Amino acid sequence: MAVRERLKTSVRLKKMGISDNENCQICAQHIENTAHLFFGCEFSDRCIRQVAAWLGIGWNARNLPQTCGWIRSRYRGSRFRRQVVMAAIAATIYLIWCNRNKAFWENIVNSVDSTLKHIKFIVKK
């Protein structure tokens, strides 16, 4: 859903007439679309940078299709390492979305550190 930009972001909810607020639920500073939520928001940027540092990779993509394409075609690690990187990316995107939903429904945003711990737990599992 995220790769196809089909998540119900605030911009999409506003277009559907469900919400009147199109600001990012996490940072409340920019319009919340898929590009901002996963790559432009300070929260997601910090999460991505810390996951990349943990994995020892350079991860500077601007969107999800570009990130997935980089891993499939250009990443020069073993098959196992590539699967770990894909799992880490999937977990990161999933937990950013979970934090966004928690912010939307409960007005709570987990810290980057707790989100990173959860990502590491998921990937190691």
PDB file of N, CA and C in Angstrom:
ATOM      1  N   MET A   1       0.825  -1.193   0.000  1.00  0.00           N
ATOM      2  CA  MET A   1       0.000   0.000   0.000  1.00  0.00           C
ATOM      3  C   MET A   1       0.874   1.263   0.000  1.00  0.00           C
ATOM      4  N   ALA A   2       1.932   1.243   0.796  1.00  0.00           N
ATOM      5  CA  ALA A   2       2.799   2.417   0.874  1.00  0.00           C
ATOM      6  C   ALA A   2       3.523   2.656  -0.451  1.00  0.00           C
ATOM      7  N   VAL A   3       4.036   1.595  -1.062  1.00  0.00           N
ATOM      8  CA  VAL A   3       4.750   1.730  -2.332  1.00  0.00           C
ATOM      9  C   VAL A   3       3.823   2.273  -3.410  1.00  0.00           C
ATOM     10  N   ARG A   4       2.591   1.868  -3.396  1.00  0.00           N
ATOM     11  CA  ARG A   4       1.613   2.318  -4.401  1.00  0.00           C
ATOM     12  C   ARG A   4       0.916   3.615  -4.005  1.00  0.00           C
ATOM     13  N   GLU A   5       1.352   4.196  -2.893  1.00  0.00           N
ATOM     14  CA  GLU A   5       0.785   5.445  -2.376  1.00  0.00           C
ATOM     15  C   GLU A   5      -0.725   5.351  -2.187  1.00  0.00           C
ATOM     16  N   ARG A   6      -1.162   4.262  -1.585  1.00  0.00           N
ATOM     17  CA  ARG A   6      -2.579   4.028  -1.350  1.00  0.00           C
ATOM     18  C   ARG A   6      -2.946   4.110   0.126  1.00  0.00           C
ATOM     19  N   LEU A   7      -2.009   4.514   0.975  1.00  0.00           N
ATOM     20  CA  LEU A   7      -2.311   4.668   2.392  1.00  0.00           C
ATOM     21  C   LEU A   7      -3.232   5.871   2.582  1.00  0.00           C
ATOM     22  N   LYS A   8      -4.046   5.793   3.585  1.00  0.00           N
ATOM     23  CA  LYS A   8      -4.994   6.877   3.861  1.00  0.00           C
ATOM     24  C   LYS A   8      -4.303   7.987   4.660  1.00  0.00           C
ATOM     25  N   THR A   9      -3.454   8.736   3.967  1.00  0.00           N
ATOM     26  CA  THR A   9      -2.770   9.860   4.585  1.00  0.00           C
ATOM     27  C   THR A   9      -3.770  11.000   4.790  1.00  0.00           C
ATOM     28  N   SER A  10      -3.354  12.008   5.526  1.00  0.00           N
ATOM     29  CA  SER A  10      -4.250  13.134   5.803  1.00  0.00           C
ATOM     30  C   SER A  10      -4.701  13.834   4.525  1.00  0.00           C
ATOM     31  N   VAL A  11      -3.831  13.937   3.539  1.00  0.00           N
ATOM     32  CA  VAL A  11      -4.202  14.559   2.267  1.00  0.00           C
ATOM     33  C   VAL A  11      -5.318  13.762   1.597  1.00  0.00           C
ATOM     34  N   ARG A  12      -5.171  12.439   1.583  1.00  0.00           N
ATOM     35  CA  ARG A  12      -6.205  11.599   0.953  1.00  0.00           C
ATOM     36  C   ARG A  12      -7.510  11.647   1.746  1.00  0.00           C
ATOM     37  N   LEU A  13      -7.406  11.646   3.071  1.00  0.00           N
ATOM     38  CA  LEU A  13      -8.618  11.717   3.897  1.00  0.00           C
ATOM     39  C   LEU A  13      -9.348  13.039   3.680  1.00  0.00           C
ATOM     40  N   LYS A  14      -8.599  14.118   3.494  1.00  0.00           N
ATOM     41  CA  LYS A  14      -9.226  15.410   3.226  1.00  0.00           C
ATOM     42  C   LYS A  14      -9.924  15.399   1.870  1.00  0.00           C
ATOM     43  N   LYS A  15      -9.282  14.818   0.861  1.00  0.00           N
ATOM     44  CA  LYS A  15      -9.898  14.730  -0.470  1.00  0.00           C
ATOM     45  C   LYS A  15     -11.179  13.909  -0.443  1.00  0.00           C
ATOM     46  N   MET A  16     -11.229  12.913   0.443  1.00  0.00           N
ATOM     47  CA  MET A  16     -12.415  12.067   0.574  1.00  0.00           C
ATOM     48  C   MET A  16     -13.505  12.736   1.411  1.00  0.00           C
ATOM     49  N   GLY A  17     -13.173  13.849   2.043  1.00  0.00           N
ATOM     50  CA  GLY A  17     -14.135  14.537   2.880  1.00  0.00           C
ATOM     51  C   GLY A  17     -14.253  13.940   4.275  1.00  0.00           C
ATOM     52  N   ILE A  18     -13.300  13.118   4.676  1.00  0.00           N
ATOM     53  CA  ILE A  18     -13.341  12.469   5.985  1.00  0.00           C
ATOM     54  C   ILE A  18     -12.687  13.342   7.047  1.00  0.00           C
ATOM     55  N   SER A  19     -11.718  14.125   6.649  1.00  0.00           N
ATOM     56  CA  SER A  19     -10.978  14.962   7.587  1.00  0.00           C
ATOM     57  C   SER A  19     -10.832  16.346   6.992  1.00  0.00           C
ATOM     58  N   ASP A  20     -10.646  17.342   7.843  1.00  0.00           N
ATOM     59  CA  ASP A  20     -10.409  18.696   7.336  1.00  0.00           C
ATOM     60  C   ASP A  20      -8.964  19.133   7.555  1.00  0.00           C
ATOM     61  N   ASN A  21      -8.157  18.274   8.155  1.00  0.00           N
ATOM     62  CA  ASN A  21      -6.765  18.584   8.444  1.00  0.00           C
ATOM     63  C   ASN A  21      -5.867  17.742   7.541  1.00  0.00           C
ATOM     64  N   GLU A  22      -4.994  18.401   6.793  1.00  0.00           N
ATOM     65  CA  GLU A  22      -4.084  17.649   5.927  1.00  0.00           C
ATOM     66  C   GLU A  22      -2.641  17.706   6.404  1.00  0.00           C
ATOM     67  N   ASN A  23      -2.422  18.229   7.613  1.00  0.00           N
ATOM     68  CA  ASN A  23      -1.073  18.294   8.160  1.00  0.00           C
ATOM     69  C   ASN A  23      -0.604  16.933   8.654  1.00  0.00           C
ATOM     70  N   CYS A  24       0.708  16.767   8.660  1.00  0.00           N
ATOM     71  CA  CYS A  24       1.329  15.538   9.143  1.00  0.00           C
ATOM     72  C   CYS A  24       0.919  15.291  10.589  1.00  0.00           C
ATOM     73  N   GLN A  25       0.489  14.096  10.866  1.00  0.00           N
ATOM     74  CA  GLN A  25       0.037  13.748  12.212  1.00  0.00           C
ATOM     75  C   GLN A  25       1.196  13.644  13.197  1.00  0.00           C
ATOM     76  N   ILE A  26       2.402  13.435  12.695  1.00  0.00           N
ATOM     77  CA  ILE A  26       3.561  13.275  13.566  1.00  0.00           C
ATOM     78  C   ILE A  26       4.231  14.615  13.853  1.00  0.00           C
ATOM     79  N   CYS A  27       4.563  15.372  12.817  1.00  0.00           N
ATOM     80  CA  CYS A  27       5.294  16.626  13.033  1.00  0.00           C
ATOM     81  C   CYS A  27       4.392  17.866  12.996  1.00  0.00           C
ATOM     82  N   ALA A  28       3.221  17.750  12.387  1.00  0.00           N
ATOM     83  CA  ALA A  28       2.247  18.843  12.276  1.00  0.00           C
ATOM     84  C   ALA A  28       2.815  20.079  11.578  1.00  0.00           C
ATOM     85  N   GLN A  29       3.875  19.906  10.785  1.00  0.00           N
ATOM     86  CA  GLN A  29       4.515  21.049  10.140  1.00  0.00           C
ATOM     87  C   GLN A  29       4.337  21.078   8.633  1.00  0.00           C
ATOM     88  N   HIS A  30       4.029  19.946   8.038  1.00  0.00           N
ATOM     89  CA  HIS A  30       3.920  19.866   6.583  1.00  0.00           C
ATOM     90  C   HIS A  30       2.670  19.074   6.204  1.00  0.00           C
ATOM     91  N   ILE A  31       2.304  19.160   4.930  1.00  0.00           N
ATOM     92  CA  ILE A  31       1.190  18.376   4.424  1.00  0.00           C
ATOM     93  C   ILE A  31       1.595  16.905   4.439  1.00  0.00           C
ATOM     94  N   GLU A  32       0.691  16.063   4.935  1.00  0.00           N
ATOM     95  CA  GLU A  32       0.998  14.637   5.076  1.00  0.00           C
ATOM     96  C   GLU A  32       0.599  13.863   3.834  1.00  0.00           C
ATOM     97  N   ASN A  33       1.572  13.582   2.995  1.00  0.00           N
ATOM     98  CA  ASN A  33       1.407  12.639   1.897  1.00  0.00           C
ATOM     99  C   ASN A  33       2.441  11.544   2.107  1.00  0.00           C
ATOM    100  N   THR A  34       2.446  10.556   1.256  1.00  0.00           N
ATOM    101  CA  THR A  34       3.361   9.427   1.430  1.00  0.00           C
ATOM    102  C   THR A  34       4.816   9.870   1.386  1.00  0.00           C
ATOM    103  N   ALA A  35       5.149  10.750   0.463  1.00  0.00           N
ATOM    104  CA  ALA A  35       6.536  11.215   0.334  1.00  0.00           C
ATOM    105  C   ALA A  35       6.992  11.909   1.614  1.00  0.00           C
ATOM    106  N   HIS A  36       6.153  12.790   2.144  1.00  0.00           N
ATOM    107  CA  HIS A  36       6.540  13.477   3.379  1.00  0.00           C
ATOM    108  C   HIS A  36       6.608  12.507   4.554  1.00  0.00           C
ATOM    109  N   LEU A  37       5.582  11.697   4.699  1.00  0.00           N
ATOM    110  CA  LEU A  37       5.491  10.829   5.870  1.00  0.00           C
ATOM    111  C   LEU A  37       6.693   9.901   6.003  1.00  0.00           C
ATOM    112  N   PHE A  38       7.143   9.321   4.910  1.00  0.00           N
ATOM    113  CA  PHE A  38       8.227   8.340   4.984  1.00  0.00           C
ATOM    114  C   PHE A  38       9.612   8.906   4.682  1.00  0.00           C
ATOM    115  N   PHE A  39       9.701  10.070   4.057  1.00  0.00           N
ATOM    116  CA  PHE A  39      11.016  10.579   3.676  1.00  0.00           C
ATOM    117  C   PHE A  39      11.247  12.042   4.019  1.00  0.00           C
ATOM    118  N   GLY A  40      10.194  12.807   4.254  1.00  0.00           N
ATOM    119  CA  GLY A  40      10.359  14.233   4.535  1.00  0.00           C
ATOM    120  C   GLY A  40      10.184  14.613   5.988  1.00  0.00           C
ATOM    121  N   CYS A  41       9.443  13.831   6.716  1.00  0.00           N
ATOM    122  CA  CYS A  41       9.172  14.121   8.122  1.00  0.00           C
ATOM    123  C   CYS A  41      10.448  13.921   8.948  1.00  0.00           C
ATOM    124  N   GLU A  42      10.702  14.812   9.867  1.00  0.00           N
ATOM    125  CA  GLU A  42      11.902  14.712  10.703  1.00  0.00           C
ATOM    126  C   GLU A  42      11.937  13.393  11.471  1.00  0.00           C
ATOM    127  N   PHE A  43      10.787  12.948  11.956  1.00  0.00           N
ATOM    128  CA  PHE A  43      10.708  11.682  12.693  1.00  0.00           C
ATOM    129  C   PHE A  43      11.150  10.513  11.828  1.00  0.00           C
ATOM    130  N   SER A  44      10.598  10.406  10.632  1.00  0.00           N
ATOM    131  CA  SER A  44      10.958   9.290   9.758  1.00  0.00           C
ATOM    132  C   SER A  44      12.398   9.407   9.281  1.00  0.00           C
ATOM    133  N   ASP A  45      12.858  10.613   9.023  1.00  0.00           N
ATOM    134  CA  ASP A  45      14.245  10.804   8.602  1.00  0.00           C
ATOM    135  C   ASP A  45      15.200  10.302   9.678  1.00  0.00           C
ATOM    136  N   ARG A  46      14.923  10.627  10.923  1.00  0.00           N
ATOM    137  CA  ARG A  46      15.781  10.159  12.020  1.00  0.00           C
ATOM    138  C   ARG A  46      15.715   8.642  12.157  1.00  0.00           C
ATOM    139  N   CYS A  47      14.519   8.068  12.019  1.00  0.00           N
ATOM    140  CA  CYS A  47      14.385   6.604  12.081  1.00  0.00           C
ATOM    141  C   CYS A  47      15.198   5.945  10.976  1.00  0.00           C
ATOM    142  N   ILE A  48      15.046   6.432   9.749  1.00  0.00           N
ATOM    143  CA  ILE A  48      15.734   5.848   8.601  1.00  0.00           C
ATOM    144  C   ILE A  48      17.243   5.966   8.757  1.00  0.00           C
ATOM    145  N   ARG A  49      17.712   7.120   9.182  1.00  0.00           N
ATOM    146  CA  ARG A  49      19.159   7.309   9.359  1.00  0.00           C
ATOM    147  C   ARG A  49      19.722   6.356  10.424  1.00  0.00           C
ATOM    148  N   GLN A  50      18.992   6.179  11.503  1.00  0.00           N
ATOM    149  CA  GLN A  50      19.480   5.290  12.562  1.00  0.00           C
ATOM    150  C   GLN A  50      19.442   3.829  12.134  1.00  0.00           C
ATOM    151  N   VAL A  51      18.422   3.431  11.396  1.00  0.00           N
ATOM    152  CA  VAL A  51      18.360   2.055  10.884  1.00  0.00           C
ATOM    153  C   VAL A  51      19.498   1.834   9.892  1.00  0.00           C
ATOM    154  N   ALA A  52      19.740   2.787   9.014  1.00  0.00           N
ATOM    155  CA  ALA A  52      20.827   2.663   8.039  1.00  0.00           C
ATOM    156  C   ALA A  52      22.176   2.564   8.747  1.00  0.00           C
ATOM    157  N   ALA A  53      22.374   3.360   9.781  1.00  0.00           N
ATOM    158  CA  ALA A  53      23.627   3.295  10.541  1.00  0.00           C
ATOM    159  C   ALA A  53      23.765   1.937  11.218  1.00  0.00           C
ATOM    160  N   TRP A  54      22.673   1.432  11.771  1.00  0.00           N
ATOM    161  CA  TRP A  54      22.687   0.126  12.420  1.00  0.00           C
ATOM    162  C   TRP A  54      23.065  -0.981  11.432  1.00  0.00           C
ATOM    163  N   LEU A  55      22.550  -0.878  10.203  1.00  0.00           N
ATOM    164  CA  LEU A  55      22.838  -1.876   9.172  1.00  0.00           C
ATOM    165  C   LEU A  55      24.157  -1.628   8.449  1.00  0.00           C
ATOM    166  N   GLY A  56      24.727  -0.438   8.631  1.00  0.00           N
ATOM    167  CA  GLY A  56      25.971  -0.103   7.947  1.00  0.00           C
ATOM    168  C   GLY A  56      25.790   0.131   6.464  1.00  0.00           C
ATOM    169  N   ILE A  57      24.664   0.742   6.082  1.00  0.00           N
ATOM    170  CA  ILE A  57      24.389   1.020   4.669  1.00  0.00           C
ATOM    171  C   ILE A  57      24.119   2.504   4.473  1.00  0.00           C
ATOM    172  N   GLY A  58      24.269   2.948   3.242  1.00  0.00           N
ATOM    173  CA  GLY A  58      23.874   4.298   2.874  1.00  0.00           C
ATOM    174  C   GLY A  58      22.470   4.247   2.301  1.00  0.00           C
ATOM    175  N   TRP A  59      21.551   4.865   2.975  1.00  0.00           N
ATOM    176  CA  TRP A  59      20.150   4.808   2.556  1.00  0.00           C
ATOM    177  C   TRP A  59      19.670   6.235   2.381  1.00  0.00           C
ATOM    178  N   ASN A  60      19.723   6.743   1.171  1.00  0.00           N
ATOM    179  CA  ASN A  60      19.331   8.131   0.949  1.00  0.00           C
ATOM    180  C   ASN A  60      18.295   8.263  -0.164  1.00  0.00           C
ATOM    181  N   ALA A  61      17.444   7.293  -0.293  1.00  0.00           N
ATOM    182  CA  ALA A  61      16.406   7.316  -1.328  1.00  0.00           C
ATOM    183  C   ALA A  61      15.359   8.376  -0.998  1.00  0.00           C
ATOM    184  N   ARG A  62      14.635   8.781  -2.003  1.00  0.00           N
ATOM    185  CA  ARG A  62      13.593   9.808  -1.851  1.00  0.00           C
ATOM    186  C   ARG A  62      12.178   9.242  -1.856  1.00  0.00           C
ATOM    187  N   ASN A  63      12.044   7.940  -2.227  1.00  0.00           N
ATOM    188  CA  ASN A  63      10.718   7.332  -2.223  1.00  0.00           C
ATOM    189  C   ASN A  63      10.853   5.819  -2.100  1.00  0.00           C
ATOM    190  N   LEU A  64       9.738   5.161  -1.859  1.00  0.00           N
ATOM    191  CA  LEU A  64       9.766   3.715  -1.645  1.00  0.00           C
ATOM    192  C   LEU A  64      10.109   2.907  -2.894  1.00  0.00           C
ATOM    193  N   PRO A  65       9.546   3.215  -4.056  1.00  0.00           N
ATOM    194  CA  PRO A  65       9.942   2.438  -5.238  1.00  0.00           C
ATOM    195  C   PRO A  65      11.442   2.531  -5.528  1.00  0.00           C
ATOM    196  N   GLN A  66      12.013   3.712  -5.332  1.00  0.00           N
ATOM    197  CA  GLN A  66      13.451   3.894  -5.540  1.00  0.00           C
ATOM    198  C   GLN A  66      14.242   3.055  -4.530  1.00  0.00           C
ATOM    199  N   THR A  67      13.805   3.029  -3.292  1.00  0.00           N
ATOM    200  CA  THR A  67      14.480   2.244  -2.257  1.00  0.00           C
ATOM    201  C   THR A  67      14.431   0.759  -2.579  1.00  0.00           C
ATOM    202  N   CYS A  68      13.262   0.267  -2.927  1.00  0.00           N
ATOM    203  CA  CYS A  68      13.123  -1.160  -3.258  1.00  0.00           C
ATOM    204  C   CYS A  68      13.929  -1.523  -4.488  1.00  0.00           C
ATOM    205  N   GLY A  69      13.936  -0.654  -5.495  1.00  0.00           N
ATOM    206  CA  GLY A  69      14.718  -0.895  -6.706  1.00  0.00           C
ATOM    207  C   GLY A  69      16.204  -0.930  -6.412  1.00  0.00           C
ATOM    208  N   TRP A  70      16.662  -0.047  -5.524  1.00  0.00           N
ATOM    209  CA  TRP A  70      18.076  -0.032  -5.148  1.00  0.00           C
ATOM    210  C   TRP A  70      18.473  -1.356  -4.502  1.00  0.00           C
ATOM    211  N   ILE A  71      17.641  -1.867  -3.634  1.00  0.00           N
ATOM    212  CA  ILE A  71      17.975  -3.122  -2.967  1.00  0.00           C
ATOM    213  C   ILE A  71      17.973  -4.280  -3.954  1.00  0.00           C
ATOM    214  N   ARG A  72      17.000  -4.323  -4.834  1.00  0.00           N
ATOM    215  CA  ARG A  72      16.912  -5.426  -5.796  1.00  0.00           C
ATOM    216  C   ARG A  72      18.046  -5.414  -6.820  1.00  0.00           C
ATOM    217  N   SER A  73      18.420  -4.241  -7.294  1.00  0.00           N
ATOM    218  CA  SER A  73      19.357  -4.215  -8.418  1.00  0.00           C
ATOM    219  C   SER A  73      20.770  -3.742  -8.072  1.00  0.00           C
ATOM    220  N   ARG A  74      20.933  -2.861  -7.109  1.00  0.00           N
ATOM    221  CA  ARG A  74      22.241  -2.275  -6.878  1.00  0.00           C
ATOM    222  C   ARG A  74      22.904  -2.674  -5.564  1.00  0.00           C
ATOM    223  N   TYR A  75      22.147  -3.172  -4.629  1.00  0.00           N
ATOM    224  CA  TYR A  75      22.742  -3.509  -3.343  1.00  0.00           C
ATOM    225  C   TYR A  75      23.702  -4.678  -3.515  1.00  0.00           C
ATOM    226  N   ARG A  76      24.909  -4.532  -3.023  1.00  0.00           N
ATOM    227  CA  ARG A  76      25.971  -5.512  -3.250  1.00  0.00           C
ATOM    228  C   ARG A  76      26.260  -6.353  -2.008  1.00  0.00           C
ATOM    229  N   GLY A  77      25.254  -6.875  -1.401  1.00  0.00           N
ATOM    230  CA  GLY A  77      25.451  -7.750  -0.255  1.00  0.00           C
ATOM    231  C   GLY A  77      25.021  -9.166  -0.598  1.00  0.00           C
ATOM    232  N   SER A  78      25.239 -10.066   0.327  1.00  0.00           N
ATOM    233  CA  SER A  78      24.792 -11.437   0.121  1.00  0.00           C
ATOM    234  C   SER A  78      23.272 -11.483   0.083  1.00  0.00           C
ATOM    235  N   ARG A  79      22.750 -12.597  -0.328  1.00  0.00           N
ATOM    236  CA  ARG A  79      21.283 -12.765  -0.392  1.00  0.00           C
ATOM    237  C   ARG A  79      20.674 -12.595   0.999  1.00  0.00           C
ATOM    238  N   PHE A  80      21.315 -13.181   1.994  1.00  0.00           N
ATOM    239  CA  PHE A  80      20.828 -13.055   3.366  1.00  0.00           C
ATOM    240  C   PHE A  80      20.851 -11.595   3.817  1.00  0.00           C
ATOM    241  N   ARG A  81      21.938 -10.909   3.547  1.00  0.00           N
ATOM    242  CA  ARG A  81      22.064  -9.499   3.956  1.00  0.00           C
ATOM    243  C   ARG A  81      21.003  -8.647   3.256  1.00  0.00           C
ATOM    244  N   ARG A  82      20.758  -8.936   1.984  1.00  0.00           N
ATOM    245  CA  ARG A  82      19.721  -8.210   1.248  1.00  0.00           C
ATOM    246  C   ARG A  82      18.351  -8.431   1.890  1.00  0.00           C
ATOM    247  N   GLN A  83      18.078  -9.652   2.316  1.00  0.00           N
ATOM    248  CA  GLN A  83      16.804  -9.941   2.982  1.00  0.00           C
ATOM    249  C   GLN A  83      16.701  -9.210   4.313  1.00  0.00           C
ATOM    250  N   VAL A  84      17.802  -9.110   5.032  1.00  0.00           N
ATOM    251  CA  VAL A  84      17.802  -8.368   6.295  1.00  0.00           C
ATOM    252  C   VAL A  84      17.511  -6.892   6.044  1.00  0.00           C
ATOM    253  N   VAL A  85      18.149  -6.332   5.016  1.00  0.00           N
ATOM    254  CA  VAL A  85      17.916  -4.921   4.682  1.00  0.00           C
ATOM    255  C   VAL A  85      16.461  -4.705   4.281  1.00  0.00           C
ATOM    256  N   MET A  86      15.913  -5.604   3.460  1.00  0.00           N
ATOM    257  CA  MET A  86      14.492  -5.489   3.072  1.00  0.00           C
ATOM    258  C   MET A  86      13.581  -5.590   4.283  1.00  0.00           C
ATOM    259  N   ALA A  87      13.893  -6.502   5.196  1.00  0.00           N
ATOM    260  CA  ALA A  87      13.091  -6.638   6.416  1.00  0.00           C
ATOM    261  C   ALA A  87      13.171  -5.366   7.249  1.00  0.00           C
ATOM    262  N   ALA A  88      14.351  -4.778   7.331  1.00  0.00           N
ATOM    263  CA  ALA A  88      14.515  -3.538   8.099  1.00  0.00           C
ATOM    264  C   ALA A  88      13.736  -2.389   7.471  1.00  0.00           C
ATOM    265  N   ILE A  89      13.761  -2.302   6.147  1.00  0.00           N
ATOM    266  CA  ILE A  89      13.003  -1.253   5.465  1.00  0.00           C
ATOM    267  C   ILE A  89      11.505  -1.455   5.685  1.00  0.00           C
ATOM    268  N   ALA A  90      11.056  -2.677   5.525  1.00  0.00           N
ATOM    269  CA  ALA A  90       9.625  -2.967   5.730  1.00  0.00           C
ATOM    270  C   ALA A  90       9.212  -2.644   7.167  1.00  0.00           C
ATOM    271  N   ALA A  91      10.028  -3.041   8.132  1.00  0.00           N
ATOM    272  CA  ALA A  91       9.709  -2.768   9.537  1.00  0.00           C
ATOM    273  C   ALA A  91       9.707  -1.270   9.811  1.00  0.00           C
ATOM    274  N   THR A  92      10.642  -0.551   9.219  1.00  0.00           N
ATOM    275  CA  THR A  92      10.711   0.901   9.419  1.00  0.00           C
ATOM    276  C   THR A  92       9.472   1.581   8.861  1.00  0.00           C
ATOM    277  N   ILE A  93       9.102   1.241   7.643  1.00  0.00           N
ATOM    278  CA  ILE A  93       7.917   1.839   7.021  1.00  0.00           C
ATOM    279  C   ILE A  93       6.667   1.490   7.831  1.00  0.00           C
ATOM    280  N   TYR A  94       6.564   0.235   8.224  1.00  0.00           N
ATOM    281  CA  TYR A  94       5.408  -0.212   9.009  1.00  0.00           C
ATOM    282  C   TYR A  94       5.302   0.554  10.326  1.00  0.00           C
ATOM    283  N   LEU A  95       6.418   0.707  11.031  1.00  0.00           N
ATOM    284  CA  LEU A  95       6.358   1.365  12.341  1.00  0.00           C
ATOM    285  C   LEU A  95       6.189   2.874  12.229  1.00  0.00           C
ATOM    286  N   ILE A  96       6.670   3.472  11.153  1.00  0.00           N
ATOM    287  CA  ILE A  96       6.367   4.895  10.925  1.00  0.00           C
ATOM    288  C   ILE A  96       4.868   5.046  10.732  1.00  0.00           C
ATOM    289  N   TRP A  97       4.265   4.148   9.944  1.00  0.00           N
ATOM    290  CA  TRP A  97       2.817   4.197   9.719  1.00  0.00           C
ATOM    291  C   TRP A  97       2.062   3.946  11.032  1.00  0.00           C
ATOM    292  N   CYS A  98       2.530   3.013  11.837  1.00  0.00           N
ATOM    293  CA  CYS A  98       1.900   2.754  13.140  1.00  0.00           C
ATOM    294  C   CYS A  98       1.968   3.996  14.029  1.00  0.00           C
ATOM    295  N   ASN A  99       3.117   4.672  14.029  1.00  0.00           N
ATOM    296  CA  ASN A  99       3.251   5.900  14.812  1.00  0.00           C
ATOM    297  C   ASN A  99       2.318   6.982  14.295  1.00  0.00           C
ATOM    298  N   ARG A 100       2.180   7.053  12.992  1.00  0.00           N
ATOM    299  CA  ARG A 100       1.253   8.031  12.410  1.00  0.00           C
ATOM    300  C   ARG A 100      -0.178   7.752  12.855  1.00  0.00           C
ATOM    301  N   ASN A 101      -0.570   6.483  12.825  1.00  0.00           N
ATOM    302  CA  ASN A 101      -1.926   6.128  13.244  1.00  0.00           C
ATOM    303  C   ASN A 101      -2.132   6.370  14.733  1.00  0.00           C
ATOM    304  N   LYS A 102      -1.120   6.089  15.525  1.00  0.00           N
ATOM    305  CA  LYS A 102      -1.214   6.350  16.963  1.00  0.00           C
ATOM    306  C   LYS A 102      -1.354   7.855  17.215  1.00  0.00           C
ATOM    307  N   ALA A 103      -0.630   8.650  16.438  1.00  0.00           N
ATOM    308  CA  ALA A 103      -0.752  10.108  16.559  1.00  0.00           C
ATOM    309  C   ALA A 103      -2.141  10.568  16.142  1.00  0.00           C
ATOM    310  N   PHE A 104      -2.678   9.959  15.094  1.00  0.00           N
ATOM    311  CA  PHE A 104      -4.007  10.335  14.596  1.00  0.00           C
ATOM    312  C   PHE A 104      -5.099   9.982  15.600  1.00  0.00           C
ATOM    313  N   TRP A 105      -5.074   8.764  16.123  1.00  0.00           N
ATOM    314  CA  TRP A 105      -6.152   8.271  16.971  1.00  0.00           C
ATOM    315  C   TRP A 105      -5.972   8.578  18.453  1.00  0.00           C
ATOM    316  N   GLU A 106      -4.716   8.615  18.928  1.00  0.00           N
ATOM    317  CA  GLU A 106      -4.482   8.768  20.366  1.00  0.00           C
ATOM    318  C   GLU A 106      -3.670  10.008  20.729  1.00  0.00           C
ATOM    319  N   ASN A 107      -3.256  10.787  19.720  1.00  0.00           N
ATOM    320  CA  ASN A 107      -2.407  11.960  19.942  1.00  0.00           C
ATOM    321  C   ASN A 107      -1.121  11.618  20.686  1.00  0.00           C
ATOM    322  N   ILE A 108      -0.554  10.452  20.377  1.00  0.00           N
ATOM    323  CA  ILE A 108       0.693   9.998  20.997  1.00  0.00           C
ATOM    324  C   ILE A 108       1.660   9.612  19.880  1.00  0.00           C
ATOM    325  N   VAL A 109       2.906  10.060  20.001  1.00  0.00           N
ATOM    326  CA  VAL A 109       3.950   9.655  19.071  1.00  0.00           C
ATOM    327  C   VAL A 109       5.078   9.049  19.900  1.00  0.00           C
ATOM    328  N   ASN A 110       5.440   7.811  19.582  1.00  0.00           N
ATOM    329  CA  ASN A 110       6.561   7.181  20.269  1.00  0.00           C
ATOM    330  C   ASN A 110       7.848   7.910  19.912  1.00  0.00           C
ATOM    331  N   SER A 111       8.847   7.768  20.742  1.00  0.00           N
ATOM    332  CA  SER A 111      10.141   8.383  20.458  1.00  0.00           C
ATOM    333  C   SER A 111      10.836   7.612  19.335  1.00  0.00           C
ATOM    334  N   VAL A 112      11.797   8.253  18.718  1.00  0.00           N
ATOM    335  CA  VAL A 112      12.592   7.599  17.683  1.00  0.00           C
ATOM    336  C   VAL A 112      13.335   6.411  18.293  1.00  0.00           C
ATOM    337  N   ASP A 113      13.855   6.590  19.506  1.00  0.00           N
ATOM    338  CA  ASP A 113      14.603   5.509  20.161  1.00  0.00           C
ATOM    339  C   ASP A 113      13.741   4.280  20.404  1.00  0.00           C
ATOM    340  N   SER A 114      12.520   4.478  20.892  1.00  0.00           N
ATOM    341  CA  SER A 114      11.656   3.312  21.130  1.00  0.00           C
ATOM    342  C   SER A 114      11.231   2.672  19.811  1.00  0.00           C
ATOM    343  N   THR A 115      11.034   3.479  18.784  1.00  0.00           N
ATOM    344  CA  THR A 115      10.697   2.954  17.466  1.00  0.00           C
ATOM    345  C   THR A 115      11.875   2.144  16.914  1.00  0.00           C
ATOM    346  N   LEU A 116      13.083   2.654  17.086  1.00  0.00           N
ATOM    347  CA  LEU A 116      14.269   1.933  16.615  1.00  0.00           C
ATOM    348  C   LEU A 116      14.428   0.606  17.348  1.00  0.00           C
ATOM    349  N   LYS A 117      14.190   0.582  18.636  1.00  0.00           N
ATOM    350  CA  LYS A 117      14.263  -0.677  19.397  1.00  0.00           C
ATOM    351  C   LYS A 117      13.259  -1.688  18.855  1.00  0.00           C
ATOM    352  N   HIS A 118      12.070  -1.221  18.539  1.00  0.00           N
ATOM    353  CA  HIS A 118      11.034  -2.095  17.995  1.00  0.00           C
ATOM    354  C   HIS A 118      11.431  -2.617  16.613  1.00  0.00           C
ATOM    355  N   ILE A 119      12.009  -1.763  15.783  1.00  0.00           N
ATOM    356  CA  ILE A 119      12.474  -2.185  14.452  1.00  0.00           C
ATOM    357  C   ILE A 119      13.530  -3.269  14.597  1.00  0.00           C
ATOM    358  N   LYS A 120      14.492  -3.054  15.467  1.00  0.00           N
ATOM    359  CA  LYS A 120      15.559  -4.034  15.678  1.00  0.00           C
ATOM    360  C   LYS A 120      14.982  -5.357  16.167  1.00  0.00           C
ATOM    361  N   PHE A 121      14.005  -5.272  17.058  1.00  0.00           N
ATOM    362  CA  PHE A 121      13.360  -6.497  17.567  1.00  0.00           C
ATOM    363  C   PHE A 121      12.688  -7.278  16.429  1.00  0.00           C
ATOM    364  N   ILE A 122      11.963  -6.566  15.583  1.00  0.00           N
ATOM    365  CA  ILE A 122      11.267  -7.208  14.464  1.00  0.00           C
ATOM    366  C   ILE A 122      12.259  -7.857  13.500  1.00  0.00           C
ATOM    367  N   VAL A 123      13.320  -7.138  13.165  1.00  0.00           N
ATOM    368  CA  VAL A 123      14.286  -7.630  12.186  1.00  0.00           C
ATOM    369  C   VAL A 123      15.053  -8.830  12.742  1.00  0.00           C
ATOM    370  N   LYS A 124      15.399  -8.802  14.010  1.00  0.00           N
ATOM    371  CA  LYS A 124      16.152  -9.906  14.621  1.00  0.00           C
ATOM    372  C   LYS A 124      15.293 -11.138  14.834  1.00  0.00           C
ATOM    373  N   LYS A 125      14.014 -10.931  14.948  1.00  0.00           N
ATOM    374  CA  LYS A 125      13.082 -12.032  15.214  1.00  0.00           C
ATOM    375  C   LYS A 125      13.087 -12.988  14.116  1.00  0.00           C
TER     376      LYS A 125
END
